[in-house]
Amino acid sequence: MKASIFTSTTSAFGDANRADMDQPVGWSTEDILPVPKNIYGVTKVAAENLYQQFHRNQKLRCLIFRASRFFHEKMTIEKN
């Protein structure tokens, strides 16, 4: 394998990603250290660490992509 992309999640940030009181959302940057708050975030951070280890030890070129939620532009909610 010459290179790899790992799709992680912004859930890895967990409790570290909080919006300021005057802001509607918090922005995620690479400066935020992950503080996962559930098993999903913990396992994603563990996998990210493994990818970083492979990069250091095996020189594997890799990209870790922390994806957020994806919604269609005109999402509708059905009511029963």
C-alpha atoms as a PDB file:
ATOM      1  CA  MET A   1       0.000   0.000   0.000  1.00  0.00           C
ATOM      2  CA  LYS A   2       1.448   3.369  -1.010  1.00  0.00           C
ATOM      3  CA  ALA A   3      -1.071   5.671   0.663  1.00  0.00           C
ATOM      4  CA  SER A   4      -4.289   5.557   2.636  1.00  0.00           C
ATOM      5  CA  ILE A   5      -7.186   7.800   3.650  1.00  0.00           C
ATOM      6  CA  PHE A   6      -8.965   7.208   6.952  1.00  0.00           C
ATOM      7  CA  THR A   7     -12.402   8.727   7.427  1.00  0.00           C
ATOM      8  CA  SER A   8     -12.778   9.634  11.060  1.00  0.00           C
ATOM      9  CA  THR A   9     -15.386  11.887  12.660  1.00  0.00           C
ATOM     10  CA  THR A  10     -15.738  15.172  14.480  1.00  0.00           C
ATOM     11  CA  SER A  11     -17.178  13.059  17.305  1.00  0.00           C
ATOM     12  CA  ALA A  12     -13.534  12.509  18.196  1.00  0.00           C
ATOM     13  CA  PHE A  13     -13.488  16.068  19.566  1.00  0.00           C
ATOM     14  CA  GLY A  14     -16.276  15.228  22.004  1.00  0.00           C
ATOM     15  CA  ASP A  15     -16.279  17.569  24.974  1.00  0.00           C
ATOM     16  CA  ALA A  16     -13.348  19.598  23.626  1.00  0.00           C
ATOM     17  CA  ASN A  17     -15.496  21.178  20.914  1.00  0.00           C
ATOM     18  CA  ARG A  18     -17.813  23.675  22.575  1.00  0.00           C
ATOM     19  CA  ALA A  19     -19.333  26.819  21.099  1.00  0.00           C
ATOM     20  CA  ASP A  20     -18.756  30.118  22.829  1.00  0.00           C
ATOM     21  CA  MET A  21     -21.875  31.390  24.578  1.00  0.00           C
ATOM     22  CA  ASP A  22     -22.397  34.100  21.933  1.00  0.00           C
ATOM     23  CA  GLN A  23     -21.906  31.723  18.967  1.00  0.00           C
ATOM     24  CA  PRO A  24     -24.460  29.285  17.468  1.00  0.00           C
ATOM     25  CA  VAL A  25     -21.794  26.646  16.678  1.00  0.00           C
ATOM     26  CA  GLY A  26     -18.237  25.775  17.608  1.00  0.00           C
ATOM     27  CA  TRP A  27     -15.598  25.603  14.890  1.00  0.00           C
ATOM     28  CA  SER A  28     -13.296  22.604  14.751  1.00  0.00           C
ATOM     29  CA  THR A  29      -9.631  23.160  13.973  1.00  0.00           C
ATOM     30  CA  GLU A  30      -6.487  21.055  14.171  1.00  0.00           C
ATOM     31  CA  ASP A  31      -5.599  22.948  17.358  1.00  0.00           C
ATOM     32  CA  ILE A  32      -8.372  21.208  19.323  1.00  0.00           C
ATOM     33  CA  LEU A  33      -7.161  18.106  21.146  1.00  0.00           C
ATOM     34  CA  PRO A  34      -9.746  15.288  21.120  1.00  0.00           C
ATOM     35  CA  VAL A  35     -11.675  14.540  24.316  1.00  0.00           C
ATOM     36  CA  PRO A  36     -14.100  11.836  23.140  1.00  0.00           C
ATOM     37  CA  LYS A  37     -17.236  11.389  25.234  1.00  0.00           C
ATOM     38  CA  ASN A  38     -18.455   8.026  23.935  1.00  0.00           C
ATOM     39  CA  ILE A  39     -17.079   4.713  22.658  1.00  0.00           C
ATOM     40  CA  TYR A  40     -17.520   5.779  19.034  1.00  0.00           C
ATOM     41  CA  GLY A  41     -15.213   8.776  19.486  1.00  0.00           C
ATOM     42  CA  VAL A  42     -12.728   6.726  21.541  1.00  0.00           C
ATOM     43  CA  THR A  43     -12.384   4.066  18.838  1.00  0.00           C
ATOM     44  CA  LYS A  44     -12.018   6.674  16.082  1.00  0.00           C
ATOM     45  CA  VAL A  45      -9.224   8.447  17.995  1.00  0.00           C
ATOM     46  CA  ALA A  46      -7.530   5.068  18.582  1.00  0.00           C
ATOM     47  CA  ALA A  47      -7.660   4.330  14.840  1.00  0.00           C
ATOM     48  CA  GLU A  48      -6.258   7.795  14.062  1.00  0.00           C
ATOM     49  CA  ASN A  49      -3.363   7.070  16.431  1.00  0.00           C
ATOM     50  CA  LEU A  50      -2.679   3.774  14.646  1.00  0.00           C
ATOM     51  CA  TYR A  51      -2.551   5.576  11.304  1.00  0.00           C
ATOM     52  CA  GLN A  52      -0.096   8.090  12.742  1.00  0.00           C
ATOM     53  CA  GLN A  53       2.044   5.234  14.071  1.00  0.00           C
ATOM     54  CA  PHE A  54       2.099   3.573  10.630  1.00  0.00           C
ATOM     55  CA  HIS A  55       3.132   6.906   9.149  1.00  0.00           C
ATOM     56  CA  ARG A  56       6.008   7.293  11.622  1.00  0.00           C
ATOM     57  CA  ASN A  57       7.238   3.695  11.583  1.00  0.00           C
ATOM     58  CA  GLN A  58       6.402   2.444   8.087  1.00  0.00           C
ATOM     59  CA  LYS A  59       6.448   5.767   6.191  1.00  0.00           C
ATOM     60  CA  LEU A  60       2.870   5.141   5.028  1.00  0.00           C
ATOM     61  CA  ARG A  61       1.484   8.276   3.422  1.00  0.00           C
ATOM     62  CA  CYS A  62      -1.895   8.817   5.031  1.00  0.00           C
ATOM     63  CA  LEU A  63      -4.616  11.383   5.435  1.00  0.00           C
ATOM     64  CA  ILE A  64      -7.003  11.421   8.378  1.00  0.00           C
ATOM     65  CA  PHE A  65     -10.246  13.165   7.464  1.00  0.00           C
ATOM     66  CA  ARG A  66     -12.573  14.101  10.332  1.00  0.00           C
ATOM     67  CA  ALA A  67     -15.918  14.392   8.609  1.00  0.00           C
ATOM     68  CA  SER A  68     -18.867  16.149  10.153  1.00  0.00           C
ATOM     69  CA  ARG A  69     -22.499  15.488   9.437  1.00  0.00           C
ATOM     70  CA  PHE A  70     -23.641  15.695   5.844  1.00  0.00           C
ATOM     71  CA  PHE A  71     -27.151  16.847   5.025  1.00  0.00           C
ATOM     72  CA  HIS A  72     -28.883  17.502   1.754  1.00  0.00           C
ATOM     73  CA  GLU A  73     -29.346  21.206   1.106  1.00  0.00           C
ATOM     74  CA  LYS A  74     -33.149  21.016   1.270  1.00  0.00           C
ATOM     75  CA  MET A  75     -33.688  18.448   3.972  1.00  0.00           C
ATOM     76  CA  THR A  76     -37.307  17.961   5.008  1.00  0.00           C
ATOM     77  CA  ILE A  77     -38.585  16.248   8.122  1.00  0.00           C
ATOM     78  CA  GLU A  78     -41.685  14.119   7.775  1.00  0.00           C
ATOM     79  CA  LYS A  79     -44.229  14.389  10.562  1.00  0.00           C
ATOM     80  CA  ASN A  80     -46.478  11.450  11.411  1.00  0.00           C
END
